[in-house]
């Protein structure tokens, strides 16, 4: 069974974090909410979430790592040296890495966007000098997946299901989402 870590830092965008968790679990894909530093994490709109576990410093047990955007959550993720190092190791070992909204700034710091196509929240591309920004809803380039923002969270989540071998189309149809 595939296993996903969704990493939560204080100030995360709630829709961008919880939508993938919900959709992945509906697809019977094991998904842990991983607090970057604590079990209780507060989103950018004041919603407190109880994570399943706290970041241990590595992702060896996971097939995919998902980084929600939001401010200042994305900055907290980007500035966490241990997370950046763990993402580099995960990418080098062939794991999927996904980021939405402002979170591609974390991928930039980790050096994971060089020579890759990506998308992000409009305007954030100014902070991402490597890679090729495209204004698409979801972009998959090798094992890096990016998406634009809160409004693209469902499309992002269905793409995560697809790349992990699930059936995002059937799930989207069952959830009355026109893909």
N, C-alpha and C. Protein backbone atom coordinates (compact mmCIF):
# COMPACT_ATOMS: atom_id res chain seq x y z
N UNK A 1 0.84 -1.19 0.00
CA UNK A 1 0.00 0.00 0.00
C UNK A 1 0.88 1.25 0.00
N UNK A 2 0.50 2.21 -0.82
CA UNK A 2 1.23 3.48 -0.90
C UNK A 2 0.98 4.30 0.37
N UNK A 3 1.98 5.12 0.72
CA UNK A 3 1.89 5.91 1.94
C UNK A 3 2.40 7.33 1.66
N UNK A 4 1.63 8.31 2.16
CA UNK A 4 1.90 9.72 1.90
C UNK A 4 2.03 10.49 3.21
N UNK A 5 2.97 11.43 3.23
CA UNK A 5 3.11 12.37 4.35
C UNK A 5 2.70 13.75 3.86
N UNK A 6 1.75 14.38 4.55
CA UNK A 6 1.39 15.78 4.29
C UNK A 6 1.95 16.57 5.46
N UNK A 7 2.92 17.44 5.16
CA UNK A 7 3.66 18.14 6.21
C UNK A 7 2.99 19.47 6.53
N UNK A 8 2.69 19.67 7.82
CA UNK A 8 1.97 20.86 8.27
C UNK A 8 2.85 21.73 9.16
N UNK A 9 3.00 22.99 8.77
CA UNK A 9 3.68 23.99 9.60
C UNK A 9 2.66 25.04 9.98
N UNK A 10 2.84 25.68 11.12
CA UNK A 10 1.91 26.74 11.51
C UNK A 10 1.79 27.76 10.39
N UNK A 11 0.53 28.11 10.07
CA UNK A 11 0.25 29.04 9.00
C UNK A 11 0.00 28.36 7.66
N UNK A 12 -0.22 27.03 7.68
CA UNK A 12 -0.52 26.32 6.44
C UNK A 12 -1.91 26.71 5.93
N UNK A 13 -2.13 26.56 4.63
CA UNK A 13 -3.44 26.81 4.03
C UNK A 13 -4.29 25.57 4.24
N UNK A 14 -5.36 25.69 4.99
CA UNK A 14 -6.16 24.55 5.39
C UNK A 14 -6.70 23.74 4.21
N UNK A 15 -7.26 24.39 3.20
CA UNK A 15 -7.82 23.66 2.06
C UNK A 15 -6.74 22.87 1.33
N UNK A 16 -5.57 23.46 1.18
CA UNK A 16 -4.49 22.81 0.45
C UNK A 16 -3.90 21.63 1.20
N UNK A 17 -4.08 21.58 2.50
CA UNK A 17 -3.59 20.46 3.30
C UNK A 17 -4.66 19.38 3.46
N UNK A 18 -5.84 19.80 3.85
CA UNK A 18 -6.87 18.82 4.21
C UNK A 18 -7.54 18.19 2.99
N UNK A 19 -7.62 18.91 1.87
CA UNK A 19 -8.20 18.31 0.67
C UNK A 19 -7.40 17.10 0.21
N UNK A 20 -6.07 17.21 0.05
CA UNK A 20 -5.31 16.01 -0.32
C UNK A 20 -5.43 14.87 0.70
N UNK A 21 -5.42 15.20 1.99
CA UNK A 21 -5.57 14.15 3.00
C UNK A 21 -6.91 13.43 2.81
N UNK A 22 -7.98 14.19 2.68
CA UNK A 22 -9.31 13.61 2.50
C UNK A 22 -9.39 12.76 1.24
N UNK A 23 -8.93 13.30 0.11
CA UNK A 23 -9.04 12.59 -1.16
C UNK A 23 -8.15 11.34 -1.16
N UNK A 24 -6.95 11.43 -0.65
CA UNK A 24 -6.06 10.27 -0.60
C UNK A 24 -6.67 9.16 0.27
N UNK A 25 -7.23 9.54 1.39
CA UNK A 25 -7.85 8.53 2.26
C UNK A 25 -9.08 7.92 1.61
N UNK A 26 -9.86 8.70 0.89
CA UNK A 26 -11.00 8.15 0.14
C UNK A 26 -10.54 7.14 -0.90
N UNK A 27 -9.33 7.34 -1.43
CA UNK A 27 -8.76 6.44 -2.44
C UNK A 27 -8.05 5.25 -1.80
N UNK A 28 -8.21 5.10 -0.47
CA UNK A 28 -7.57 4.02 0.29
C UNK A 28 -6.05 4.07 0.23
N UNK A 29 -5.52 5.29 0.16
CA UNK A 29 -4.07 5.50 0.23
C UNK A 29 -3.76 6.01 1.63
N UNK A 30 -2.86 5.34 2.32
CA UNK A 30 -2.52 5.73 3.68
C UNK A 30 -1.89 7.11 3.65
N UNK A 31 -2.38 7.99 4.51
CA UNK A 31 -1.92 9.38 4.50
C UNK A 31 -1.78 9.88 5.93
N UNK A 32 -0.57 10.27 6.29
CA UNK A 32 -0.30 10.84 7.62
C UNK A 32 -0.18 12.35 7.52
N UNK A 33 -0.83 13.04 8.46
CA UNK A 33 -0.59 14.47 8.63
C UNK A 33 0.60 14.57 9.58
N UNK A 34 1.67 15.19 9.12
CA UNK A 34 2.91 15.25 9.88
C UNK A 34 3.17 16.69 10.29
N UNK A 35 3.09 16.96 11.58
CA UNK A 35 3.39 18.30 12.09
C UNK A 35 4.88 18.55 11.99
N UNK A 36 5.26 19.70 11.47
CA UNK A 36 6.68 19.99 11.30
C UNK A 36 7.41 20.01 12.63
N UNK A 37 6.79 20.64 13.65
CA UNK A 37 7.46 20.72 14.96
C UNK A 37 6.57 20.28 16.11
N UNK A 38 5.26 20.22 15.91
CA UNK A 38 4.32 19.89 16.98
C UNK A 38 3.17 19.06 16.44
N UNK A 39 2.45 18.38 17.34
CA UNK A 39 1.26 17.64 16.93
C UNK A 39 0.09 18.56 16.62
N UNK A 40 -0.08 19.64 17.40
CA UNK A 40 -1.15 20.58 17.11
C UNK A 40 -0.59 21.69 16.23
N UNK A 41 -1.21 21.88 15.07
CA UNK A 41 -0.74 22.87 14.10
C UNK A 41 -1.91 23.77 13.74
N UNK A 42 -1.65 25.08 13.70
CA UNK A 42 -2.71 26.03 13.38
C UNK A 42 -2.54 26.56 11.96
N UNK A 43 -3.64 26.49 11.21
CA UNK A 43 -3.63 26.97 9.84
C UNK A 43 -3.69 28.48 9.75
N UNK A 44 -3.56 28.99 8.54
CA UNK A 44 -3.52 30.43 8.33
C UNK A 44 -4.86 31.11 8.59
N UNK A 45 -5.94 30.31 8.71
CA UNK A 45 -7.25 30.87 9.00
C UNK A 45 -7.73 30.48 10.40
N UNK A 46 -6.79 30.13 11.25
CA UNK A 46 -7.09 29.86 12.65
C UNK A 46 -7.66 28.49 12.95
N UNK A 47 -7.69 27.59 11.98
CA UNK A 47 -8.19 26.23 12.22
C UNK A 47 -7.05 25.38 12.76
N UNK A 48 -7.26 24.81 13.93
CA UNK A 48 -6.24 23.96 14.55
C UNK A 48 -6.46 22.51 14.15
N UNK A 49 -5.38 21.86 13.79
CA UNK A 49 -5.43 20.47 13.33
C UNK A 49 -4.51 19.63 14.21
N UNK A 50 -4.98 18.47 14.57
CA UNK A 50 -4.16 17.52 15.32
C UNK A 50 -3.47 16.61 14.30
N UNK A 51 -2.16 16.75 14.17
CA UNK A 51 -1.40 15.91 13.24
C UNK A 51 -1.34 14.48 13.78
N UNK A 52 -1.05 13.55 12.89
CA UNK A 52 -0.92 12.14 13.28
C UNK A 52 0.41 11.88 13.96
N UNK A 53 1.43 12.63 13.56
CA UNK A 53 2.78 12.47 14.13
C UNK A 53 3.57 13.73 13.89
N UNK A 54 4.74 13.80 14.51
CA UNK A 54 5.65 14.93 14.33
C UNK A 54 6.79 14.47 13.42
N UNK A 55 7.26 15.37 12.57
CA UNK A 55 8.35 15.12 11.63
C UNK A 55 9.56 14.53 12.36
N UNK A 56 10.01 13.38 11.87
CA UNK A 56 11.12 12.65 12.51
C UNK A 56 12.47 12.98 11.90
N UNK A 57 12.49 13.73 10.82
CA UNK A 57 13.76 14.06 10.18
C UNK A 57 13.97 13.32 8.88
N UNK A 58 13.06 12.42 8.53
CA UNK A 58 13.20 11.68 7.27
C UNK A 58 11.86 11.13 6.81
N UNK A 59 11.85 10.69 5.54
CA UNK A 59 10.61 10.19 4.93
C UNK A 59 10.78 8.80 4.34
N UNK A 60 11.63 7.98 4.90
CA UNK A 60 11.91 6.67 4.31
C UNK A 60 10.68 5.77 4.24
N UNK A 61 9.72 5.96 5.12
CA UNK A 61 8.51 5.12 5.13
C UNK A 61 7.44 5.57 4.14
N UNK A 62 7.70 6.63 3.41
CA UNK A 62 6.68 7.23 2.54
C UNK A 62 7.04 7.12 1.06
N UNK A 63 6.00 7.06 0.23
CA UNK A 63 6.16 7.07 -1.22
C UNK A 63 6.05 8.48 -1.78
N UNK A 64 5.42 9.37 -1.01
CA UNK A 64 5.20 10.74 -1.46
C UNK A 64 5.19 11.67 -0.25
N UNK A 65 5.70 12.89 -0.49
CA UNK A 65 5.65 13.96 0.51
C UNK A 65 4.89 15.12 -0.12
N UNK A 66 3.88 15.65 0.59
CA UNK A 66 3.05 16.75 0.09
C UNK A 66 3.26 17.97 0.99
N UNK A 67 3.49 19.11 0.34
CA UNK A 67 3.70 20.36 1.06
C UNK A 67 2.58 21.34 0.72
N UNK A 68 1.68 21.62 1.67
CA UNK A 68 0.65 22.63 1.42
C UNK A 68 1.26 24.02 1.46
N UNK A 69 0.59 24.96 0.80
CA UNK A 69 1.05 26.34 0.83
C UNK A 69 0.48 27.07 2.03
N UNK A 70 0.22 28.34 1.82
CA UNK A 70 -0.26 29.19 2.91
C UNK A 70 0.88 30.00 3.48
N UNK A 71 0.51 31.11 4.06
CA UNK A 71 1.51 31.98 4.69
C UNK A 71 1.13 32.23 6.13
N UNK A 72 2.08 32.11 7.02
CA UNK A 72 3.51 31.92 6.78
C UNK A 72 3.95 30.45 6.75
N UNK A 73 3.00 29.53 6.58
CA UNK A 73 3.36 28.11 6.60
C UNK A 73 4.43 27.73 5.61
N UNK A 74 4.34 28.23 4.38
CA UNK A 74 5.34 27.88 3.36
C UNK A 74 6.73 28.38 3.74
N UNK A 75 6.79 29.54 4.36
CA UNK A 75 8.07 30.09 4.81
C UNK A 75 8.65 29.21 5.92
N UNK A 76 7.80 28.78 6.84
CA UNK A 76 8.28 27.89 7.92
C UNK A 76 8.84 26.60 7.33
N UNK A 77 8.15 26.04 6.33
CA UNK A 77 8.65 24.83 5.68
C UNK A 77 9.99 25.11 5.00
N UNK A 78 10.03 26.20 4.22
CA UNK A 78 11.26 26.55 3.48
C UNK A 78 12.46 26.75 4.39
N UNK A 79 12.22 27.34 5.56
CA UNK A 79 13.32 27.70 6.45
C UNK A 79 13.73 26.59 7.41
N UNK A 80 13.09 25.43 7.33
CA UNK A 80 13.43 24.30 8.21
C UNK A 80 14.50 23.45 7.53
N UNK A 81 15.74 23.60 8.00
CA UNK A 81 16.87 22.92 7.38
C UNK A 81 16.69 21.40 7.33
N UNK A 82 16.16 20.81 8.39
CA UNK A 82 15.96 19.36 8.42
C UNK A 82 14.97 18.89 7.38
N UNK A 83 13.90 19.66 7.19
CA UNK A 83 12.91 19.30 6.17
C UNK A 83 13.52 19.39 4.78
N UNK A 84 14.25 20.45 4.50
CA UNK A 84 14.87 20.62 3.19
C UNK A 84 15.82 19.46 2.90
N UNK A 85 16.63 19.09 3.87
CA UNK A 85 17.56 17.96 3.70
C UNK A 85 16.79 16.66 3.46
N UNK A 86 15.71 16.44 4.21
CA UNK A 86 14.92 15.22 4.05
C UNK A 86 14.24 15.17 2.68
N UNK A 87 13.82 16.31 2.17
CA UNK A 87 13.22 16.36 0.83
C UNK A 87 14.26 16.02 -0.24
N UNK A 88 15.47 16.50 -0.06
CA UNK A 88 16.54 16.18 -1.01
C UNK A 88 16.82 14.68 -1.03
N UNK A 89 16.86 14.06 0.14
CA UNK A 89 17.09 12.62 0.24
C UNK A 89 15.91 11.86 -0.39
N UNK A 90 14.70 12.29 -0.07
CA UNK A 90 13.51 11.64 -0.61
C UNK A 90 13.49 11.70 -2.14
N UNK A 91 13.78 12.87 -2.68
CA UNK A 91 13.80 13.03 -4.14
C UNK A 91 14.89 12.16 -4.77
N UNK A 92 16.06 12.14 -4.16
CA UNK A 92 17.17 11.34 -4.69
C UNK A 92 16.86 9.84 -4.66
N UNK A 93 15.99 9.44 -3.74
CA UNK A 93 15.63 8.02 -3.66
C UNK A 93 14.38 7.69 -4.48
N UNK A 94 13.93 8.63 -5.30
CA UNK A 94 12.85 8.36 -6.24
C UNK A 94 11.44 8.53 -5.70
N UNK A 95 11.29 9.22 -4.59
CA UNK A 95 9.95 9.45 -4.04
C UNK A 95 9.29 10.64 -4.74
N UNK A 96 7.96 10.64 -4.75
CA UNK A 96 7.20 11.76 -5.28
C UNK A 96 7.25 12.91 -4.29
N UNK A 97 7.40 14.13 -4.79
CA UNK A 97 7.36 15.34 -3.97
C UNK A 97 6.32 16.26 -4.61
N UNK A 98 5.36 16.73 -3.81
CA UNK A 98 4.28 17.57 -4.32
C UNK A 98 4.18 18.84 -3.48
N UNK A 99 3.93 19.96 -4.16
CA UNK A 99 3.80 21.24 -3.46
C UNK A 99 2.75 22.09 -4.17
N UNK A 100 1.97 22.80 -3.38
CA UNK A 100 0.88 23.62 -3.93
C UNK A 100 1.01 25.05 -3.42
N UNK A 101 0.54 25.99 -4.23
CA UNK A 101 0.43 27.40 -3.88
C UNK A 101 1.82 28.03 -3.71
N UNK A 102 2.16 28.47 -2.50
CA UNK A 102 3.46 29.07 -2.25
C UNK A 102 4.53 28.04 -1.92
N UNK A 103 4.14 26.80 -1.65
CA UNK A 103 5.10 25.78 -1.20
C UNK A 103 6.18 25.42 -2.21
N UNK A 104 6.03 25.68 -3.52
CA UNK A 104 7.18 25.44 -4.39
C UNK A 104 8.44 26.23 -4.00
N UNK A 105 8.32 27.27 -3.15
CA UNK A 105 9.52 27.95 -2.66
C UNK A 105 10.38 27.00 -1.83
N UNK A 106 9.74 25.99 -1.22
CA UNK A 106 10.48 24.98 -0.47
C UNK A 106 11.27 24.10 -1.45
N UNK A 107 10.63 23.73 -2.55
CA UNK A 107 11.30 22.92 -3.57
C UNK A 107 12.48 23.69 -4.17
N UNK A 108 12.31 24.98 -4.35
CA UNK A 108 13.39 25.83 -4.86
C UNK A 108 14.58 25.78 -3.92
N UNK A 109 14.34 25.97 -2.63
CA UNK A 109 15.45 25.96 -1.66
C UNK A 109 16.13 24.60 -1.65
N UNK A 110 15.36 23.53 -1.85
CA UNK A 110 15.93 22.18 -1.84
C UNK A 110 16.63 21.85 -3.16
N UNK A 111 16.54 22.74 -4.15
CA UNK A 111 17.18 22.50 -5.43
C UNK A 111 16.46 21.50 -6.31
N UNK A 112 15.16 21.33 -6.08
CA UNK A 112 14.40 20.30 -6.79
C UNK A 112 13.67 20.80 -8.04
N UNK A 113 13.77 22.10 -8.34
CA UNK A 113 13.06 22.62 -9.51
C UNK A 113 13.99 22.94 -10.69
N UNK A 114 15.27 22.72 -10.53
CA UNK A 114 16.22 23.00 -11.61
C UNK A 114 15.85 22.20 -12.85
N UNK A 115 15.71 22.90 -13.97
CA UNK A 115 15.37 22.29 -15.26
C UNK A 115 14.03 21.56 -15.25
N UNK A 116 13.11 21.97 -14.39
CA UNK A 116 11.78 21.37 -14.34
C UNK A 116 10.71 22.41 -14.62
N UNK A 117 9.59 21.94 -15.15
CA UNK A 117 8.40 22.77 -15.28
C UNK A 117 7.67 22.72 -13.94
N UNK A 118 7.09 23.84 -13.53
CA UNK A 118 6.34 23.88 -12.28
C UNK A 118 5.31 24.99 -12.37
N UNK A 119 4.36 24.97 -11.44
CA UNK A 119 3.43 26.07 -11.27
C UNK A 119 3.37 26.42 -9.80
N UNK A 120 2.78 27.56 -9.49
CA UNK A 120 2.69 28.02 -8.09
C UNK A 120 1.65 29.13 -8.03
N UNK A 121 1.46 29.66 -6.84
CA UNK A 121 0.55 30.79 -6.66
C UNK A 121 1.05 31.95 -7.52
N UNK A 122 0.17 32.64 -8.23
CA UNK A 122 0.59 33.73 -9.10
C UNK A 122 1.44 34.78 -8.36
N UNK A 123 2.61 35.03 -8.89
CA UNK A 123 3.55 35.98 -8.31
C UNK A 123 4.68 35.32 -7.55
N UNK A 124 4.45 34.12 -7.02
CA UNK A 124 5.49 33.41 -6.27
C UNK A 124 6.64 32.97 -7.15
N UNK A 125 6.39 32.88 -8.46
CA UNK A 125 7.47 32.46 -9.36
C UNK A 125 8.65 33.43 -9.31
N UNK A 126 8.42 34.67 -8.86
CA UNK A 126 9.51 35.64 -8.71
C UNK A 126 10.53 35.18 -7.68
N UNK A 127 10.12 34.30 -6.76
CA UNK A 127 11.03 33.76 -5.73
C UNK A 127 11.64 32.43 -6.13
N UNK A 128 11.37 32.00 -7.37
CA UNK A 128 11.82 30.69 -7.83
C UNK A 128 12.59 30.88 -9.14
N UNK A 129 13.88 31.22 -9.04
CA UNK A 129 14.64 31.49 -10.26
C UNK A 129 14.98 30.26 -11.10
N UNK A 130 15.00 29.08 -10.50
CA UNK A 130 15.28 27.89 -11.30
C UNK A 130 13.99 27.29 -11.79
N UNK A 131 14.06 26.49 -12.82
CA UNK A 131 12.86 25.88 -13.36
C UNK A 131 12.13 26.79 -14.32
N UNK A 132 11.09 26.23 -14.93
CA UNK A 132 10.28 26.96 -15.91
C UNK A 132 8.85 27.06 -15.39
N UNK A 133 8.43 28.24 -15.04
CA UNK A 133 7.08 28.45 -14.54
C UNK A 133 6.08 28.40 -15.69
N UNK A 134 4.99 27.66 -15.48
CA UNK A 134 3.88 27.62 -16.42
C UNK A 134 2.59 27.85 -15.64
N UNK A 135 1.66 28.56 -16.21
CA UNK A 135 0.40 28.88 -15.54
C UNK A 135 -0.63 27.80 -15.85
N UNK A 136 -0.41 26.61 -15.32
CA UNK A 136 -1.33 25.49 -15.47
C UNK A 136 -1.87 25.11 -14.10
N UNK A 137 -2.99 24.42 -14.07
CA UNK A 137 -3.62 24.04 -12.80
C UNK A 137 -2.74 23.10 -11.99
N UNK A 138 -2.26 22.04 -12.63
CA UNK A 138 -1.38 21.07 -11.99
C UNK A 138 -0.29 20.72 -13.00
N UNK A 139 0.94 20.65 -12.53
CA UNK A 139 2.07 20.29 -13.40
C UNK A 139 2.79 19.10 -12.80
N UNK A 140 3.02 18.09 -13.63
CA UNK A 140 3.81 16.92 -13.23
C UNK A 140 5.06 16.91 -14.10
N UNK A 141 6.23 16.96 -13.48
CA UNK A 141 7.50 16.89 -14.20
C UNK A 141 8.37 15.88 -13.48
N UNK A 142 8.53 14.73 -14.12
CA UNK A 142 9.17 13.57 -13.50
C UNK A 142 8.41 13.28 -12.20
N UNK A 143 9.08 13.33 -11.05
CA UNK A 143 8.39 12.98 -9.80
C UNK A 143 8.10 14.21 -8.93
N UNK A 144 8.01 15.37 -9.58
CA UNK A 144 7.65 16.61 -8.89
C UNK A 144 6.27 17.04 -9.38
N UNK A 145 5.36 17.29 -8.45
CA UNK A 145 4.00 17.74 -8.78
C UNK A 145 3.77 19.08 -8.10
N UNK A 146 3.27 20.05 -8.88
CA UNK A 146 2.97 21.36 -8.31
C UNK A 146 1.58 21.80 -8.76
N UNK A 147 1.00 22.70 -7.97
CA UNK A 147 -0.32 23.24 -8.29
C UNK A 147 -0.39 24.67 -7.80
N UNK A 148 -1.43 25.41 -8.23
CA UNK A 148 -1.46 26.86 -8.09
C UNK A 148 -1.99 27.41 -6.78
N UNK A 149 -3.00 26.79 -6.16
CA UNK A 149 -3.53 27.40 -4.95
C UNK A 149 -4.78 26.73 -4.44
N UNK A 150 -5.40 27.37 -3.48
CA UNK A 150 -6.55 26.79 -2.79
C UNK A 150 -7.61 26.28 -3.76
N UNK A 151 -7.90 27.05 -4.78
CA UNK A 151 -8.93 26.67 -5.75
C UNK A 151 -8.57 25.48 -6.61
N UNK A 152 -7.31 25.09 -6.62
CA UNK A 152 -6.88 23.94 -7.42
C UNK A 152 -6.62 22.71 -6.57
N UNK A 153 -7.02 22.77 -5.31
CA UNK A 153 -6.72 21.68 -4.36
C UNK A 153 -7.31 20.34 -4.77
N UNK A 154 -8.54 20.32 -5.27
CA UNK A 154 -9.13 19.03 -5.69
C UNK A 154 -8.40 18.46 -6.91
N UNK A 155 -8.14 19.30 -7.91
CA UNK A 155 -7.41 18.82 -9.09
C UNK A 155 -6.04 18.27 -8.68
N UNK A 156 -5.38 18.97 -7.78
CA UNK A 156 -4.08 18.55 -7.24
C UNK A 156 -4.21 17.18 -6.56
N UNK A 157 -5.20 17.05 -5.69
CA UNK A 157 -5.39 15.81 -4.95
C UNK A 157 -5.69 14.63 -5.87
N UNK A 158 -6.54 14.83 -6.88
CA UNK A 158 -6.83 13.74 -7.82
C UNK A 158 -5.58 13.33 -8.60
N UNK A 159 -4.72 14.30 -8.92
CA UNK A 159 -3.46 13.97 -9.61
C UNK A 159 -2.56 13.14 -8.69
N UNK A 160 -2.53 13.46 -7.41
CA UNK A 160 -1.74 12.67 -6.46
C UNK A 160 -2.23 11.22 -6.46
N UNK A 161 -3.54 11.04 -6.43
CA UNK A 161 -4.12 9.69 -6.47
C UNK A 161 -3.67 8.97 -7.74
N UNK A 162 -3.77 9.65 -8.87
CA UNK A 162 -3.41 9.05 -10.16
C UNK A 162 -1.96 8.57 -10.18
N UNK A 163 -1.02 9.42 -9.78
CA UNK A 163 0.39 9.04 -9.88
C UNK A 163 0.75 7.92 -8.92
N UNK A 164 -0.05 7.76 -7.87
CA UNK A 164 0.19 6.67 -6.92
C UNK A 164 -0.52 5.38 -7.32
N UNK A 165 -1.13 5.38 -8.51
CA UNK A 165 -1.75 4.17 -9.02
C UNK A 165 -3.23 4.03 -8.74
N UNK A 166 -3.84 5.07 -8.17
CA UNK A 166 -5.28 5.04 -7.92
C UNK A 166 -6.05 5.56 -9.11
N UNK A 167 -7.35 5.65 -8.95
CA UNK A 167 -8.23 6.09 -10.03
C UNK A 167 -8.86 7.43 -9.66
N UNK A 168 -8.13 8.50 -9.96
CA UNK A 168 -8.61 9.84 -9.65
C UNK A 168 -9.87 10.20 -10.40
N UNK A 169 -10.03 9.70 -11.64
CA UNK A 169 -11.23 10.02 -12.42
C UNK A 169 -12.49 9.47 -11.76
N UNK A 170 -12.45 8.21 -11.34
CA UNK A 170 -13.62 7.62 -10.69
C UNK A 170 -13.94 8.33 -9.38
N UNK A 171 -12.91 8.66 -8.64
CA UNK A 171 -13.10 9.36 -7.38
C UNK A 171 -13.69 10.75 -7.63
N UNK A 172 -13.16 11.45 -8.63
CA UNK A 172 -13.69 12.78 -8.97
C UNK A 172 -15.17 12.69 -9.35
N UNK A 173 -15.51 11.68 -10.14
CA UNK A 173 -16.90 11.50 -10.54
C UNK A 173 -17.79 11.23 -9.32
N UNK A 174 -17.33 10.37 -8.42
CA UNK A 174 -18.10 10.06 -7.21
C UNK A 174 -18.28 11.29 -6.31
N UNK A 175 -17.31 12.21 -6.36
CA UNK A 175 -17.37 13.40 -5.55
C UNK A 175 -18.03 14.58 -6.29
N UNK A 176 -18.59 14.31 -7.49
CA UNK A 176 -19.27 15.29 -8.32
C UNK A 176 -18.34 16.46 -8.68
N UNK A 177 -17.15 16.10 -9.10
CA UNK A 177 -16.16 17.07 -9.58
C UNK A 177 -15.95 16.85 -11.05
N UNK A 178 -16.13 17.87 -11.84
CA UNK A 178 -15.93 17.74 -13.28
C UNK A 178 -14.49 18.01 -13.60
N UNK A 179 -13.79 16.95 -13.88
CA UNK A 179 -12.35 17.02 -14.08
C UNK A 179 -12.01 17.47 -15.48
